[in-house]
Amino acid sequence: MAYTPQEGGGALFKNDKGDNPARPDYRGDIMLGGVLYEVAGWIKPKPSNPSEKYMSLVAKAKDQAQAKSAPTKQTEPDFDDDMPF
């Protein structure tokens, strides 16, 4: 995104859901404690009154998002050297 948040601030932008209704309605970034977070928001009906709406949010640190999308390196199992065989 072209927007760079300052400490304690951020922004949400309308997201193109395409043909996937599970995608968030809004996406953006927020800077908290020097850590940049990705934020996603979904507009949902309020359970106690479905005619009213609220926004459900999920946030995760950007470095976590990049780590999850990066291919993981397979490591060898950790064998205990004290095994009798």
C-alpha atoms as a PDB file:
ATOM      1  CA  MET A   1       0.000   0.000   0.000  1.00  0.00           C
ATOM      2  CA  ALA A   2       1.159   3.526  -0.687  1.00  0.00           C
ATOM      3  CA  TYR A   3      -0.040   4.728   2.726  1.00  0.00           C
ATOM      4  CA  THR A   4       2.606   4.537   5.492  1.00  0.00           C
ATOM      5  CA  PRO A   5       1.115   4.826   8.984  1.00  0.00           C
ATOM      6  CA  GLN A   6       2.721   6.849  11.744  1.00  0.00           C
ATOM      7  CA  GLU A   7       3.053   5.509  15.310  1.00  0.00           C
ATOM      8  CA  GLY A   8      -0.381   4.904  16.839  1.00  0.00           C
ATOM      9  CA  GLY A   9      -2.187   5.368  13.536  1.00  0.00           C
ATOM     10  CA  GLY A  10      -3.334   3.484  10.500  1.00  0.00           C
ATOM     11  CA  ALA A  11      -5.975   3.276   7.816  1.00  0.00           C
ATOM     12  CA  LEU A  12      -8.401   0.771   6.328  1.00  0.00           C
ATOM     13  CA  PHE A  13      -9.191   0.757   2.614  1.00  0.00           C
ATOM     14  CA  LYS A  14     -12.102  -0.927   0.834  1.00  0.00           C
ATOM     15  CA  ASN A  15     -10.964  -4.331  -0.425  1.00  0.00           C
ATOM     16  CA  ASP A  16     -11.891  -5.867  -3.779  1.00  0.00           C
ATOM     17  CA  LYS A  17     -13.482  -9.142  -2.733  1.00  0.00           C
ATOM     18  CA  GLY A  18     -13.600 -10.442  -6.302  1.00  0.00           C
ATOM     19  CA  ASP A  19     -15.452 -13.741  -6.428  1.00  0.00           C
ATOM     20  CA  ASN A  20     -14.508 -14.710  -2.858  1.00  0.00           C
ATOM     21  CA  PRO A  21     -17.073 -13.586  -0.241  1.00  0.00           C
ATOM     22  CA  ALA A  22     -14.753 -14.720   2.590  1.00  0.00           C
ATOM     23  CA  ARG A  23     -12.202 -11.989   1.782  1.00  0.00           C
ATOM     24  CA  PRO A  24     -12.245  -9.005   4.136  1.00  0.00           C
ATOM     25  CA  ASP A  25     -14.351  -5.966   3.242  1.00  0.00           C
ATOM     26  CA  TYR A  26     -11.501  -3.646   4.312  1.00  0.00           C
ATOM     27  CA  ARG A  27      -7.719  -4.022   4.577  1.00  0.00           C
ATOM     28  CA  GLY A  28      -4.960  -1.770   5.800  1.00  0.00           C
ATOM     29  CA  ASP A  29      -2.021  -1.241   8.118  1.00  0.00           C
ATOM     30  CA  ILE A  30      -1.489   0.179  11.602  1.00  0.00           C
ATOM     31  CA  MET A  31       1.730   1.021  13.489  1.00  0.00           C
ATOM     32  CA  LEU A  32       1.686   0.117  17.203  1.00  0.00           C
ATOM     33  CA  GLY A  33       4.746   0.079  19.430  1.00  0.00           C
ATOM     34  CA  GLY A  34       7.007   0.384  16.418  1.00  0.00           C
ATOM     35  CA  VAL A  35       5.538  -2.781  14.882  1.00  0.00           C
ATOM     36  CA  LEU A  36       3.656  -2.607  11.572  1.00  0.00           C
ATOM     37  CA  TYR A  37       0.465  -4.715  11.577  1.00  0.00           C
ATOM     38  CA  GLU A  38      -1.810  -5.793   8.734  1.00  0.00           C
ATOM     39  CA  VAL A  39      -5.474  -5.247   9.600  1.00  0.00           C
ATOM     40  CA  ALA A  40      -8.467  -6.892   7.922  1.00  0.00           C
ATOM     41  CA  GLY A  41     -12.113  -6.026   8.599  1.00  0.00           C
ATOM     42  CA  TRP A  42     -15.427  -7.678   7.801  1.00  0.00           C
ATOM     43  CA  ILE A  43     -18.813  -5.928   7.998  1.00  0.00           C
ATOM     44  CA  LYS A  44     -21.191  -8.287   9.849  1.00  0.00           C
ATOM     45  CA  PRO A  45     -24.728  -8.159  11.215  1.00  0.00           C
ATOM     46  CA  LYS A  46     -24.901  -7.559  14.955  1.00  0.00           C
ATOM     47  CA  PRO A  47     -26.023 -10.837  16.633  1.00  0.00           C
ATOM     48  CA  SER A  48     -28.473  -9.120  18.985  1.00  0.00           C
ATOM     49  CA  ASN A  49     -29.988  -6.981  16.199  1.00  0.00           C
ATOM     50  CA  PRO A  50     -29.248  -8.153  12.630  1.00  0.00           C
ATOM     51  CA  SER A  51     -30.464  -4.846  11.159  1.00  0.00           C
ATOM     52  CA  GLU A  52     -27.422  -3.176  12.812  1.00  0.00           C
ATOM     53  CA  LYS A  53     -23.884  -3.788  11.548  1.00  0.00           C
ATOM     54  CA  TYR A  54     -20.447  -3.909  13.162  1.00  0.00           C
ATOM     55  CA  MET A  55     -16.890  -4.430  11.882  1.00  0.00           C
ATOM     56  CA  SER A  56     -14.964  -7.518  12.990  1.00  0.00           C
ATOM     57  CA  LEU A  57     -11.174  -6.979  12.888  1.00  0.00           C
ATOM     58  CA  VAL A  58      -8.108  -9.217  12.718  1.00  0.00           C
ATOM     59  CA  ALA A  59      -4.536  -7.921  12.975  1.00  0.00           C
ATOM     60  CA  LYS A  60      -1.198  -9.657  12.582  1.00  0.00           C
ATOM     61  CA  ALA A  61       2.347  -8.363  12.528  1.00  0.00           C
ATOM     62  CA  LYS A  62       3.619  -7.867   8.976  1.00  0.00           C
ATOM     63  CA  ASP A  63       6.736  -9.947   9.623  1.00  0.00           C
ATOM     64  CA  GLN A  64       4.505 -12.871  10.720  1.00  0.00           C
ATOM     65  CA  ALA A  65       2.518 -12.565   7.498  1.00  0.00           C
ATOM     66  CA  GLN A  66       5.707 -12.658   5.433  1.00  0.00           C
ATOM     67  CA  ALA A  67       7.048 -15.617   7.417  1.00  0.00           C
ATOM     68  CA  LYS A  68       3.846 -17.596   6.801  1.00  0.00           C
ATOM     69  CA  SER A  69       3.941 -16.941   3.059  1.00  0.00           C
ATOM     70  CA  ALA A  70       7.637 -17.869   2.745  1.00  0.00           C
ATOM     71  CA  PRO A  71       8.421 -21.493   1.977  1.00  0.00           C
ATOM     72  CA  THR A  72       9.446 -23.382   5.085  1.00  0.00           C
ATOM     73  CA  LYS A  73      12.742 -25.234   5.161  1.00  0.00           C
ATOM     74  CA  GLN A  74      12.426 -28.881   6.145  1.00  0.00           C
ATOM     75  CA  THR A  75      14.781 -29.754   8.977  1.00  0.00           C
ATOM     76  CA  GLU A  76      16.000 -33.155  10.049  1.00  0.00           C
ATOM     77  CA  PRO A  77      14.460 -34.671  13.175  1.00  0.00           C
ATOM     78  CA  ASP A  78      16.219 -33.996  16.459  1.00  0.00           C
ATOM     79  CA  PHE A  79      17.534 -37.406  17.545  1.00  0.00           C
ATOM     80  CA  ASP A  80      18.558 -38.021  21.140  1.00  0.00           C
ATOM     81  CA  ASP A  81      22.234 -39.108  21.234  1.00  0.00           C
ATOM     82  CA  ASP A  82      21.660 -41.076  24.445  1.00  0.00           C
ATOM     83  CA  MET A  83      19.616 -43.737  22.642  1.00  0.00           C
ATOM     84  CA  PRO A  84      21.118 -47.237  23.204  1.00  0.00           C
ATOM     85  CA  PHE A  85      21.052 -48.140  19.505  1.00  0.00           C
END
